[in-house]
Amino acid sequence: MEDCIFCKIARHEIPCHIVYEDEDVLAFKDLKPVAPVHILVIPKQHISGMMSVGDEDAGIMGKIFLAIKKLAEEQGVSEDGFRVVVNQGEKAGQSVFHLHFHMLAGRPMNWPPG
C-alpha cells in the first residue's frame, strides 16, 4: 500500500534501526519500546493483519517465526525467554494496519497481559 508506514519502512523510504532483513521479512527496533528488547517483525509484503493471512501466506508466516527465533538468539534472550505479541484490530490495540509482531524481552512479563 502506498501510504502504509510499514510498507514505506520495508521499501527503505523511512529510516529505522534495522536488526534483521531478508527477501521477505524486516525487523527493526520499536521507536517507543516497552521492554529493553522491543523489536517489530513485519512481512515486506502488505498484509493488513492476522485476519488477512491466507493459505498463500503460509511460507512468509514460517519465515517470520524463523526470523524471531534468530533474533532471540542474537539478542541473547533465547534462554531467559521472550514474548511475541500480535494485535488484531483496534480494540486489541492495533494502530498500524500492516501485520506486525512485537518481540519483547529483557524484563519480567506479567500474566495475564493487557
PDB file of N, CA and C in Angstrom:
ATOM      1  N   MET A   1       0.843  -1.183   0.000  1.00  0.00           N
ATOM      2  CA  MET A   1       0.000   0.000   0.000  1.00  0.00           C
ATOM      3  C   MET A   1       0.888   1.245   0.000  1.00  0.00           C
ATOM      4  N   GLU A   2       0.483   2.201  -0.744  1.00  0.00           N
ATOM      5  CA  GLU A   2       1.264   3.425  -0.959  1.00  0.00           C
ATOM      6  C   GLU A   2       1.514   4.204   0.329  1.00  0.00           C
ATOM      7  N   ASP A   3       0.475   4.365   1.172  1.00  0.00           N
ATOM      8  CA  ASP A   3       0.613   5.227   2.338  1.00  0.00           C
ATOM      9  C   ASP A   3       0.851   4.478   3.651  1.00  0.00           C
ATOM     10  N   CYS A   4       1.028   3.184   3.612  1.00  0.00           N
ATOM     11  CA  CYS A   4       1.262   2.385   4.817  1.00  0.00           C
ATOM     12  C   CYS A   4       2.685   2.659   5.330  1.00  0.00           C
ATOM     13  N   ILE A   5       2.787   3.072   6.593  1.00  0.00           N
ATOM     14  CA  ILE A   5       4.095   3.417   7.145  1.00  0.00           C
ATOM     15  C   ILE A   5       5.045   2.218   7.157  1.00  0.00           C
ATOM     16  N   PHE A   6       4.529   1.010   7.446  1.00  0.00           N
ATOM     17  CA  PHE A   6       5.412  -0.155   7.471  1.00  0.00           C
ATOM     18  C   PHE A   6       5.828  -0.560   6.061  1.00  0.00           C
ATOM     19  N   CYS A   7       4.976  -0.343   5.073  1.00  0.00           N
ATOM     20  CA  CYS A   7       5.385  -0.581   3.682  1.00  0.00           C
ATOM     21  C   CYS A   7       6.509   0.379   3.300  1.00  0.00           C
ATOM     22  N   LYS A   8       6.385   1.629   3.729  1.00  0.00           N
ATOM     23  CA  LYS A   8       7.431   2.614   3.447  1.00  0.00           C
ATOM     24  C   LYS A   8       8.742   2.229   4.129  1.00  0.00           C
ATOM     25  N   ILE A   9       8.654   1.732   5.360  1.00  0.00           N
ATOM     26  CA  ILE A   9       9.855   1.261   6.062  1.00  0.00           C
ATOM     27  C   ILE A   9      10.455   0.077   5.318  1.00  0.00           C
ATOM     28  N   ALA A  10       9.609  -0.862   4.879  1.00  0.00           N
ATOM     29  CA  ALA A  10      10.087  -2.043   4.151  1.00  0.00           C
ATOM     30  C   ALA A  10      10.767  -1.660   2.841  1.00  0.00           C
ATOM     31  N   ARG A  11      10.318  -0.562   2.225  1.00  0.00           N
ATOM     32  CA  ARG A  11      10.927  -0.077   0.980  1.00  0.00           C
ATOM     33  C   ARG A  11      12.111   0.853   1.240  1.00  0.00           C
ATOM     34  N   HIS A  12      12.469   1.027   2.510  1.00  0.00           N
ATOM     35  CA  HIS A  12      13.582   1.893   2.922  1.00  0.00           C
ATOM     36  C   HIS A  12      13.332   3.359   2.587  1.00  0.00           C
ATOM     37  N   GLU A  13      12.088   3.765   2.577  1.00  0.00           N
ATOM     38  CA  GLU A  13      11.733   5.165   2.352  1.00  0.00           C
ATOM     39  C   GLU A  13      11.717   5.953   3.661  1.00  0.00           C
ATOM     40  N   ILE A  14      11.584   5.240   4.775  1.00  0.00           N
ATOM     41  CA  ILE A  14      11.613   5.841   6.105  1.00  0.00           C
ATOM     42  C   ILE A  14      12.725   5.137   6.875  1.00  0.00           C
ATOM     43  N   PRO A  15      13.639   5.895   7.460  1.00  0.00           N
ATOM     44  CA  PRO A  15      14.740   5.261   8.191  1.00  0.00           C
ATOM     45  C   PRO A  15      14.274   4.610   9.485  1.00  0.00           C
ATOM     46  N   CYS A  16      14.952   3.552   9.850  1.00  0.00           N
ATOM     47  CA  CYS A  16      14.714   2.870  11.114  1.00  0.00           C
ATOM     48  C   CYS A  16      15.970   2.095  11.474  1.00  0.00           C
ATOM     49  N   HIS A  17      16.008   1.580  12.677  1.00  0.00           N
ATOM     50  CA  HIS A  17      17.146   0.783  13.133  1.00  0.00           C
ATOM     51  C   HIS A  17      16.850  -0.691  12.811  1.00  0.00           C
ATOM     52  N   ILE A  18      17.292  -1.123  11.646  1.00  0.00           N
ATOM     53  CA  ILE A  18      17.043  -2.494  11.190  1.00  0.00           C
ATOM     54  C   ILE A  18      17.969  -3.458  11.934  1.00  0.00           C
ATOM     55  N   VAL A  19      17.376  -4.547  12.430  1.00  0.00           N
ATOM     56  CA  VAL A  19      18.171  -5.576  13.115  1.00  0.00           C
ATOM     57  C   VAL A  19      18.155  -6.903  12.360  1.00  0.00           C
ATOM     58  N   TYR A  20      17.270  -7.021  11.380  1.00  0.00           N
ATOM     59  CA  TYR A  20      17.219  -8.236  10.549  1.00  0.00           C
ATOM     60  C   TYR A  20      16.502  -7.890   9.254  1.00  0.00           C
ATOM     61  N   GLU A  21      17.020  -8.448   8.164  1.00  0.00           N
ATOM     62  CA  GLU A  21      16.331  -8.280   6.888  1.00  0.00           C
ATOM     63  C   GLU A  21      16.709  -9.423   5.962  1.00  0.00           C
ATOM     64  N   ASP A  22      15.695  -9.936   5.287  1.00  0.00           N
ATOM     65  CA  ASP A  22      15.922 -10.868   4.194  1.00  0.00           C
ATOM     66  C   ASP A  22      14.969 -10.472   3.067  1.00  0.00           C
ATOM     67  N   GLU A  23      14.803 -11.316   2.122  1.00  0.00           N
ATOM     68  CA  GLU A  23      13.967 -11.023   0.951  1.00  0.00           C
ATOM     69  C   GLU A  23      12.511 -10.727   1.303  1.00  0.00           C
ATOM     70  N   ASP A  24      12.000 -11.374   2.364  1.00  0.00           N
ATOM     71  CA  ASP A  24      10.579 -11.301   2.692  1.00  0.00           C
ATOM     72  C   ASP A  24      10.232 -10.663   4.027  1.00  0.00           C
ATOM     73  N   VAL A  25      11.211 -10.544   4.919  1.00  0.00           N
ATOM     74  CA  VAL A  25      10.950 -10.142   6.308  1.00  0.00           C
ATOM     75  C   VAL A  25      11.883  -8.991   6.688  1.00  0.00           C
ATOM     76  N   LEU A  26      11.357  -8.064   7.470  1.00  0.00           N
ATOM     77  CA  LEU A  26      12.154  -6.970   8.006  1.00  0.00           C
ATOM     78  C   LEU A  26      11.878  -6.872   9.500  1.00  0.00           C
ATOM     79  N   ALA A  27      12.920  -6.661  10.291  1.00  0.00           N
ATOM     80  CA  ALA A  27      12.772  -6.473  11.734  1.00  0.00           C
ATOM     81  C   ALA A  27      13.538  -5.221  12.132  1.00  0.00           C
ATOM     82  N   PHE A  28      12.907  -4.415  12.974  1.00  0.00           N
ATOM     83  CA  PHE A  28      13.528  -3.158  13.388  1.00  0.00           C
ATOM     84  C   PHE A  28      13.100  -2.820  14.809  1.00  0.00           C
ATOM     85  N   LYS A  29      13.912  -1.992  15.467  1.00  0.00           N
ATOM     86  CA  LYS A  29      13.628  -1.602  16.843  1.00  0.00           C
ATOM     87  C   LYS A  29      12.429  -0.661  16.882  1.00  0.00           C
ATOM     88  N   ASP A  30      11.560  -0.892  17.866  1.00  0.00           N
ATOM     89  CA  ASP A  30      10.386  -0.051  18.064  1.00  0.00           C
ATOM     90  C   ASP A  30      10.829   1.334  18.535  1.00  0.00           C
ATOM     91  N   LEU A  31      10.200   2.377  18.009  1.00  0.00           N
ATOM     92  CA  LEU A  31      10.542   3.745  18.401  1.00  0.00           C
ATOM     93  C   LEU A  31      10.132   4.069  19.836  1.00  0.00           C
ATOM     94  N   LYS A  32       9.118   3.373  20.349  1.00  0.00           N
ATOM     95  CA  LYS A  32       8.644   3.595  21.719  1.00  0.00           C
ATOM     96  C   LYS A  32       8.646   2.258  22.462  1.00  0.00           C
ATOM     97  N   PRO A  33       9.845   1.766  22.789  1.00  0.00           N
ATOM     98  CA  PRO A  33       9.930   0.425  23.388  1.00  0.00           C
ATOM     99  C   PRO A  33       9.263   0.351  24.758  1.00  0.00           C
ATOM    100  N   VAL A  34       8.640  -0.799  25.011  1.00  0.00           N
ATOM    101  CA  VAL A  34       8.032  -1.065  26.315  1.00  0.00           C
ATOM    102  C   VAL A  34       8.801  -2.137  27.074  1.00  0.00           C
ATOM    103  N   ALA A  35       9.945  -2.534  26.517  1.00  0.00           N
ATOM    104  CA  ALA A  35      10.838  -3.503  27.143  1.00  0.00           C
ATOM    105  C   ALA A  35      12.247  -3.207  26.633  1.00  0.00           C
ATOM    106  N   PRO A  36      13.262  -3.647  27.361  1.00  0.00           N
ATOM    107  CA  PRO A  36      14.633  -3.426  26.893  1.00  0.00           C
ATOM    108  C   PRO A  36      14.887  -3.947  25.480  1.00  0.00           C
ATOM    109  N   VAL A  37      14.278  -5.064  25.145  1.00  0.00           N
ATOM    110  CA  VAL A  37      14.293  -5.562  23.768  1.00  0.00           C
ATOM    111  C   VAL A  37      12.859  -5.448  23.259  1.00  0.00           C
ATOM    112  N   HIS A  38      12.657  -4.596  22.261  1.00  0.00           N
ATOM    113  CA  HIS A  38      11.334  -4.440  21.647  1.00  0.00           C
ATOM    114  C   HIS A  38      11.558  -4.264  20.153  1.00  0.00           C
ATOM    115  N   ILE A  39      11.338  -5.339  19.445  1.00  0.00           N
ATOM    116  CA  ILE A  39      11.590  -5.390  18.006  1.00  0.00           C
ATOM    117  C   ILE A  39      10.282  -5.672  17.288  1.00  0.00           C
ATOM    118  N   LEU A  40      10.045  -4.960  16.199  1.00  0.00           N
ATOM    119  CA  LEU A  40       8.891  -5.218  15.344  1.00  0.00           C
ATOM    120  C   LEU A  40       9.352  -6.056  14.165  1.00  0.00           C
ATOM    121  N   VAL A  41       8.631  -7.116  13.894  1.00  0.00           N
ATOM    122  CA  VAL A  41       8.956  -8.014  12.781  1.00  0.00           C
ATOM    123  C   VAL A  41       7.774  -7.987  11.823  1.00  0.00           C
ATOM    124  N   ILE A  42       8.055  -7.651  10.554  1.00  0.00           N
ATOM    125  CA  ILE A  42       6.973  -7.481   9.578  1.00  0.00           C
ATOM    126  C   ILE A  42       7.259  -8.254   8.294  1.00  0.00           C
ATOM    127  N   PRO A  43       6.195  -8.672   7.608  1.00  0.00           N
ATOM    128  CA  PRO A  43       6.404  -9.142   6.240  1.00  0.00           C
ATOM    129  C   PRO A  43       6.601  -7.914   5.361  1.00  0.00           C
ATOM    130  N   LYS A  44       7.490  -7.989   4.392  1.00  0.00           N
ATOM    131  CA  LYS A  44       7.674  -6.854   3.488  1.00  0.00           C
ATOM    132  C   LYS A  44       6.439  -6.647   2.617  1.00  0.00           C
ATOM    133  N   GLN A  45       5.775  -7.734   2.307  1.00  0.00           N
ATOM    134  CA  GLN A  45       4.522  -7.678   1.546  1.00  0.00           C
ATOM    135  C   GLN A  45       3.428  -7.145   2.465  1.00  0.00           C
ATOM    136  N   HIS A  46       2.566  -6.295   1.952  1.00  0.00           N
ATOM    137  CA  HIS A  46       1.494  -5.755   2.783  1.00  0.00           C
ATOM    138  C   HIS A  46       0.430  -6.815   3.054  1.00  0.00           C
ATOM    139  N   ILE A  47       0.253  -7.101   4.331  1.00  0.00           N
ATOM    140  CA  ILE A  47      -0.855  -7.913   4.845  1.00  0.00           C
ATOM    141  C   ILE A  47      -1.416  -7.074   5.981  1.00  0.00           C
ATOM    142  N   SER A  48      -2.686  -6.737   5.950  1.00  0.00           N
ATOM    143  CA  SER A  48      -3.212  -5.759   6.897  1.00  0.00           C
ATOM    144  C   SER A  48      -3.311  -6.262   8.333  1.00  0.00           C
ATOM    145  N   GLY A  49      -3.403  -7.551   8.541  1.00  0.00           N
ATOM    146  CA  GLY A  49      -3.492  -8.091   9.898  1.00  0.00           C
ATOM    147  C   GLY A  49      -3.660  -9.595   9.859  1.00  0.00           C
ATOM    148  N   MET A  50      -3.776 -10.205  11.034  1.00  0.00           N
ATOM    149  CA  MET A  50      -3.902 -11.663  11.125  1.00  0.00           C
ATOM    150  C   MET A  50      -5.101 -12.189  10.348  1.00  0.00           C
ATOM    151  N   MET A  51      -6.185 -11.445  10.336  1.00  0.00           N
ATOM    152  CA  MET A  51      -7.382 -11.915   9.665  1.00  0.00           C
ATOM    153  C   MET A  51      -7.293 -11.816   8.151  1.00  0.00           C
ATOM    154  N   SER A  52      -6.209 -11.215   7.661  1.00  0.00           N
ATOM    155  CA  SER A  52      -5.980 -11.138   6.216  1.00  0.00           C
ATOM    156  C   SER A  52      -4.966 -12.168   5.731  1.00  0.00           C
ATOM    157  N   VAL A  53      -4.432 -12.967   6.647  1.00  0.00           N
ATOM    158  CA  VAL A  53      -3.478 -14.010   6.269  1.00  0.00           C
ATOM    159  C   VAL A  53      -4.234 -15.119   5.554  1.00  0.00           C
ATOM    160  N   GLY A  54      -3.744 -15.501   4.387  1.00  0.00           N
ATOM    161  CA  GLY A  54      -4.363 -16.579   3.622  1.00  0.00           C
ATOM    162  C   GLY A  54      -3.440 -17.775   3.492  1.00  0.00           C
ATOM    163  N   ASP A  55      -3.953 -18.834   2.912  1.00  0.00           N
ATOM    164  CA  ASP A  55      -3.150 -20.039   2.701  1.00  0.00           C
ATOM    165  C   ASP A  55      -1.878 -19.727   1.937  1.00  0.00           C
ATOM    166  N   GLU A  56      -1.960 -18.778   1.011  1.00  0.00           N
ATOM    167  CA  GLU A  56      -0.792 -18.410   0.206  1.00  0.00           C
ATOM    168  C   GLU A  56       0.295 -17.717   1.027  1.00  0.00           C
ATOM    169  N   ASP A  57      -0.019 -17.322   2.269  1.00  0.00           N
ATOM    170  CA  ASP A  57       0.938 -16.634   3.136  1.00  0.00           C
ATOM    171  C   ASP A  57       1.629 -17.568   4.129  1.00  0.00           C
ATOM    172  N   ALA A  58       1.383 -18.867   4.016  1.00  0.00           N
ATOM    173  CA  ALA A  58       1.966 -19.820   4.965  1.00  0.00           C
ATOM    174  C   ALA A  58       3.489 -19.738   4.981  1.00  0.00           C
ATOM    175  N   GLY A  59       4.093 -19.600   3.814  1.00  0.00           N
ATOM    176  CA  GLY A  59       5.551 -19.534   3.752  1.00  0.00           C
ATOM    177  C   GLY A  59       6.114 -18.322   4.461  1.00  0.00           C
ATOM    178  N   ILE A  60       5.514 -17.163   4.244  1.00  0.00           N
ATOM    179  CA  ILE A  60       6.007 -15.945   4.889  1.00  0.00           C
ATOM    180  C   ILE A  60       5.803 -16.005   6.392  1.00  0.00           C
ATOM    181  N   MET A  61       4.721 -16.626   6.846  1.00  0.00           N
ATOM    182  CA  MET A  61       4.494 -16.743   8.292  1.00  0.00           C
ATOM    183  C   MET A  61       5.587 -17.601   8.928  1.00  0.00           C
ATOM    184  N   GLY A  62       5.958 -18.679   8.265  1.00  0.00           N
ATOM    185  CA  GLY A  62       7.060 -19.502   8.766  1.00  0.00           C
ATOM    186  C   GLY A  62       8.364 -18.729   8.803  1.00  0.00           C
ATOM    187  N   LYS A  63       8.622 -17.931   7.765  1.00  0.00           N
ATOM    188  CA  LYS A  63       9.844 -17.128   7.718  1.00  0.00           C
ATOM    189  C   LYS A  63       9.877 -16.106   8.846  1.00  0.00           C
ATOM    190  N   ILE A  64       8.724 -15.545   9.172  1.00  0.00           N
ATOM    191  CA  ILE A  64       8.660 -14.576  10.270  1.00  0.00           C
ATOM    192  C   ILE A  64       9.064 -15.250  11.579  1.00  0.00           C
ATOM    193  N   PHE A  65       8.528 -16.419  11.849  1.00  0.00           N
ATOM    194  CA  PHE A  65       8.847 -17.089  13.110  1.00  0.00           C
ATOM    195  C   PHE A  65      10.300 -17.563  13.154  1.00  0.00           C
ATOM    196  N   LEU A  66      10.858 -17.950  12.025  1.00  0.00           N
ATOM    197  CA  LEU A  66      12.287 -18.295  11.994  1.00  0.00           C
ATOM    198  C   LEU A  66      13.144 -17.052  12.228  1.00  0.00           C
ATOM    199  N   ALA A  67      12.709 -15.909  11.712  1.00  0.00           N
ATOM    200  CA  ALA A  67      13.426 -14.657  11.963  1.00  0.00           C
ATOM    201  C   ALA A  67      13.371 -14.299  13.448  1.00  0.00           C
ATOM    202  N   ILE A  68      12.222 -14.474  14.074  1.00  0.00           N
ATOM    203  CA  ILE A  68      12.083 -14.186  15.506  1.00  0.00           C
ATOM    204  C   ILE A  68      13.007 -15.096  16.308  1.00  0.00           C
ATOM    205  N   LYS A  69      13.072 -16.352  15.960  1.00  0.00           N
ATOM    206  CA  LYS A  69      13.973 -17.281  16.650  1.00  0.00           C
ATOM    207  C   LYS A  69      15.418 -16.812  16.531  1.00  0.00           C
ATOM    208  N   LYS A  70      15.819 -16.433  15.330  1.00  0.00           N
ATOM    209  CA  LYS A  70      17.184 -15.952  15.103  1.00  0.00           C
ATOM    210  C   LYS A  70      17.452 -14.681  15.910  1.00  0.00           C
ATOM    211  N   LEU A  71      16.489 -13.764  15.918  1.00  0.00           N
ATOM    212  CA  LEU A  71      16.638 -12.528  16.689  1.00  0.00           C
ATOM    213  C   LEU A  71      16.776 -12.807  18.182  1.00  0.00           C
ATOM    214  N   ALA A  72      16.006 -13.753  18.702  1.00  0.00           N
ATOM    215  CA  ALA A  72      16.099 -14.109  20.121  1.00  0.00           C
ATOM    216  C   ALA A  72      17.508 -14.592  20.456  1.00  0.00           C
ATOM    217  N   GLU A  73      18.073 -15.392  19.567  1.00  0.00           N
ATOM    218  CA  GLU A  73      19.441 -15.867  19.779  1.00  0.00           C
ATOM    219  C   GLU A  73      20.428 -14.709  19.704  1.00  0.00           C
ATOM    220  N   GLU A  74      20.297 -13.860  18.695  1.00  0.00           N
ATOM    221  CA  GLU A  74      21.216 -12.725  18.515  1.00  0.00           C
ATOM    222  C   GLU A  74      21.106 -11.705  19.647  1.00  0.00           C
ATOM    223  N   GLN A  75      19.905 -11.507  20.171  1.00  0.00           N
ATOM    224  CA  GLN A  75      19.691 -10.539  21.244  1.00  0.00           C
ATOM    225  C   GLN A  75      20.026 -11.119  22.619  1.00  0.00           C
ATOM    226  N   GLY A  76      20.359 -12.408  22.675  1.00  0.00           N
ATOM    227  CA  GLY A  76      20.730 -13.044  23.929  1.00  0.00           C
ATOM    228  C   GLY A  76      19.572 -13.309  24.861  1.00  0.00           C
ATOM    229  N   VAL A  77      18.372 -13.491  24.318  1.00  0.00           N
ATOM    230  CA  VAL A  77      17.199 -13.713  25.167  1.00  0.00           C
ATOM    231  C   VAL A  77      16.555 -15.081  24.944  1.00  0.00           C
ATOM    232  N   SER A  78      17.168 -15.917  24.126  1.00  0.00           N
ATOM    233  CA  SER A  78      16.558 -17.214  23.823  1.00  0.00           C
ATOM    234  C   SER A  78      16.479 -18.120  25.053  1.00  0.00           C
ATOM    235  N   GLU A  79      17.403 -17.979  25.979  1.00  0.00           N
ATOM    236  CA  GLU A  79      17.389 -18.818  27.182  1.00  0.00           C
ATOM    237  C   GLU A  79      16.479 -18.243  28.265  1.00  0.00           C
ATOM    238  N   ASP A  80      16.541 -16.929  28.469  1.00  0.00           N
ATOM    239  CA  ASP A  80      15.745 -16.293  29.535  1.00  0.00           C
ATOM    240  C   ASP A  80      14.273 -16.179  29.171  1.00  0.00           C
ATOM    241  N   GLY A  81      13.982 -16.100  27.885  1.00  0.00           N
ATOM    242  CA  GLY A  81      12.597 -16.018  27.432  1.00  0.00           C
ATOM    243  C   GLY A  81      12.254 -14.679  26.819  1.00  0.00           C
ATOM    244  N   PHE A  82      11.212 -14.716  26.036  1.00  0.00           N
ATOM    245  CA  PHE A  82      10.725 -13.523  25.349  1.00  0.00           C
ATOM    246  C   PHE A  82       9.262 -13.739  25.028  1.00  0.00           C
ATOM    247  N   ARG A  83       8.596 -12.657  24.661  1.00  0.00           N
ATOM    248  CA  ARG A  83       7.180 -12.720  24.318  1.00  0.00           C
ATOM    249  C   ARG A  83       7.006 -12.208  22.898  1.00  0.00           C
ATOM    250  N   VAL A  84       6.078 -12.826  22.159  1.00  0.00           N
ATOM    251  CA  VAL A  84       5.719 -12.381  20.816  1.00  0.00           C
ATOM    252  C   VAL A  84       4.237 -12.031  20.853  1.00  0.00           C
ATOM    253  N   VAL A  85       3.912 -10.802  20.421  1.00  0.00           N
ATOM    254  CA  VAL A  85       2.542 -10.300  20.503  1.00  0.00           C
ATOM    255  C   VAL A  85       2.093  -9.821  19.131  1.00  0.00           C
ATOM    256  N   VAL A  86       0.859 -10.173  18.771  1.00  0.00           N
ATOM    257  CA  VAL A  86       0.221  -9.651  17.570  1.00  0.00           C
ATOM    258  C   VAL A  86      -1.122  -9.069  18.002  1.00  0.00           C
ATOM    259  N   ASN A  87      -1.360  -7.824  17.656  1.00  0.00           N
ATOM    260  CA  ASN A  87      -2.645  -7.190  17.922  1.00  0.00           C
ATOM    261  C   ASN A  87      -3.469  -7.227  16.642  1.00  0.00           C
ATOM    262  N   GLN A  88      -4.695  -7.699  16.728  1.00  0.00           N
ATOM    263  CA  GLN A  88      -5.586  -7.764  15.578  1.00  0.00           C
ATOM    264  C   GLN A  88      -6.785  -6.875  15.826  1.00  0.00           C
ATOM    265  N   GLY A  89      -6.848  -5.766  15.133  1.00  0.00           N
ATOM    266  CA  GLY A  89      -7.981  -4.859  15.245  1.00  0.00           C
ATOM    267  C   GLY A  89      -7.768  -3.770  16.279  1.00  0.00           C
ATOM    268  N   GLU A  90      -8.538  -2.706  16.131  1.00  0.00           N
ATOM    269  CA  GLU A  90      -8.405  -1.540  17.002  1.00  0.00           C
ATOM    270  C   GLU A  90      -8.627  -1.862  18.474  1.00  0.00           C
ATOM    271  N   LYS A  91      -9.629  -2.677  18.779  1.00  0.00           N
ATOM    272  CA  LYS A  91      -9.924  -2.989  20.175  1.00  0.00           C
ATOM    273  C   LYS A  91      -8.807  -3.794  20.837  1.00  0.00           C
ATOM    274  N   ALA A  92      -7.989  -4.459  20.031  1.00  0.00           N
ATOM    275  CA  ALA A  92      -6.854  -5.206  20.569  1.00  0.00           C
ATOM    276  C   ALA A  92      -5.601  -4.342  20.641  1.00  0.00           C
ATOM    277  N   GLY A  93      -5.679  -3.122  20.127  1.00  0.00           N
ATOM    278  CA  GLY A  93      -4.542  -2.221  20.191  1.00  0.00           C
ATOM    279  C   GLY A  93      -3.758  -2.080  18.902  1.00  0.00           C
ATOM    280  N   GLN A  94      -4.270  -2.646  17.812  1.00  0.00           N
ATOM    281  CA  GLN A  94      -3.565  -2.498  16.532  1.00  0.00           C
ATOM    282  C   GLN A  94      -3.728  -1.069  16.043  1.00  0.00           C
ATOM    283  N   SER A  95      -2.598  -0.381  15.854  1.00  0.00           N
ATOM    284  CA  SER A  95      -2.651   1.011  15.403  1.00  0.00           C
ATOM    285  C   SER A  95      -2.063   1.181  14.005  1.00  0.00           C
ATOM    286  N   VAL A  96      -1.247   0.232  13.570  1.00  0.00           N
ATOM    287  CA  VAL A  96      -0.739   0.227  12.200  1.00  0.00           C
ATOM    288  C   VAL A  96      -1.315  -1.014  11.536  1.00  0.00           C
ATOM    289  N   PHE A  97      -2.059  -0.828  10.467  1.00  0.00           N
ATOM    290  CA  PHE A  97      -2.751  -1.944   9.835  1.00  0.00           C
ATOM    291  C   PHE A  97      -1.902  -2.580   8.743  1.00  0.00           C
ATOM    292  N   HIS A  98      -0.762  -3.082   9.199  1.00  0.00           N
ATOM    293  CA  HIS A  98       0.169  -3.907   8.437  1.00  0.00           C
ATOM    294  C   HIS A  98       0.604  -4.945   9.461  1.00  0.00           C
ATOM    295  N   LEU A  99       0.409  -6.212   9.158  1.00  0.00           N
ATOM    296  CA  LEU A  99       0.724  -7.278  10.105  1.00  0.00           C
ATOM    297  C   LEU A  99       2.111  -7.061  10.692  1.00  0.00           C
ATOM    298  N   HIS A 100       2.199  -7.094  12.010  1.00  0.00           N
ATOM    299  CA  HIS A 100       3.496  -6.976  12.670  1.00  0.00           C
ATOM    300  C   HIS A 100       3.476  -7.722  13.995  1.00  0.00           C
ATOM    301  N   PHE A 101       4.634  -8.211  14.336  1.00  0.00           N
ATOM    302  CA  PHE A 101       4.837  -8.995  15.542  1.00  0.00           C
ATOM    303  C   PHE A 101       5.757  -8.200  16.462  1.00  0.00           C
ATOM    304  N   HIS A 102       5.340  -8.018  17.703  1.00  0.00           N
ATOM    305  CA  HIS A 102       6.182  -7.368  18.705  1.00  0.00           C
ATOM    306  C   HIS A 102       6.969  -8.462  19.421  1.00  0.00           C
ATOM    307  N   MET A 103       8.276  -8.383  19.375  1.00  0.00           N
ATOM    308  CA  MET A 103       9.133  -9.282  20.149  1.00  0.00           C
ATOM    309  C   MET A 103       9.620  -8.498  21.358  1.00  0.00           C
ATOM    310  N   LEU A 104       9.237  -8.961  22.541  1.00  0.00           N
ATOM    311  CA  LEU A 104       9.535  -8.261  23.793  1.00  0.00           C
ATOM    312  C   LEU A 104      10.378  -9.140  24.705  1.00  0.00           C
ATOM    313  N   ALA A 105      11.405  -8.548  25.298  1.00  0.00           N
ATOM    314  CA  ALA A 105      12.261  -9.314  26.207  1.00  0.00           C
ATOM    315  C   ALA A 105      13.078  -8.359  27.066  1.00  0.00           C
ATOM    316  N   GLY A 106      13.763  -8.934  28.034  1.00  0.00           N
ATOM    317  CA  GLY A 106      14.673  -8.158  28.862  1.00  0.00           C
ATOM    318  C   GLY A 106      14.085  -7.681  30.169  1.00  0.00           C
ATOM    319  N   ARG A 107      12.871  -8.079  30.458  1.00  0.00           N
ATOM    320  CA  ARG A 107      12.224  -7.763  31.737  1.00  0.00           C
ATOM    321  C   ARG A 107      11.174  -8.833  32.002  1.00  0.00           C
ATOM    322  N   PRO A 108      10.745  -8.983  33.265  1.00  0.00           N
ATOM    323  CA  PRO A 108       9.674  -9.941  33.548  1.00  0.00           C
ATOM    324  C   PRO A 108       8.379  -9.524  32.839  1.00  0.00           C
ATOM    325  N   MET A 109       7.684 -10.485  32.285  1.00  0.00           N
ATOM    326  CA  MET A 109       6.409 -10.242  31.621  1.00  0.00           C
ATOM    327  C   MET A 109       5.289 -10.710  32.557  1.00  0.00           C
ATOM    328  N   ASN A 110       4.297  -9.884  32.738  1.00  0.00           N
ATOM    329  CA  ASN A 110       3.179 -10.225  33.606  1.00  0.00           C
ATOM    330  C   ASN A 110       2.161 -11.068  32.856  1.00  0.00           C
ATOM    331  N   TRP A 111       1.365 -11.819  33.600  1.00  0.00           N
ATOM    332  CA  TRP A 111       0.274 -12.588  33.027  1.00  0.00           C
ATOM    333  C   TRP A 111      -0.932 -12.441  33.908  1.00  0.00           C
ATOM    334  N   PRO A 112      -2.089 -12.185  33.433  1.00  0.00           N
ATOM    335  CA  PRO A 112      -2.388 -12.063  32.008  1.00  0.00           C
ATOM    336  C   PRO A 112      -1.980 -10.694  31.475  1.00  0.00           C
ATOM    337  N   PRO A 113      -1.626 -10.637  30.190  1.00  0.00           N
ATOM    338  CA  PRO A 113      -1.284  -9.345  29.593  1.00  0.00           C
ATOM    339  C   PRO A 113      -2.552  -8.511  29.371  1.00  0.00           C
ATOM    340  N   GLY A 114      -2.355  -7.242  29.102  1.00  0.00           N
ATOM    341  CA  GLY A 114      -3.494  -6.365  28.801  1.00  0.00           C
ATOM    342  C   GLY A 114      -4.094  -5.819  30.035  1.00  0.00           C
TER     343      GLY A 114
END
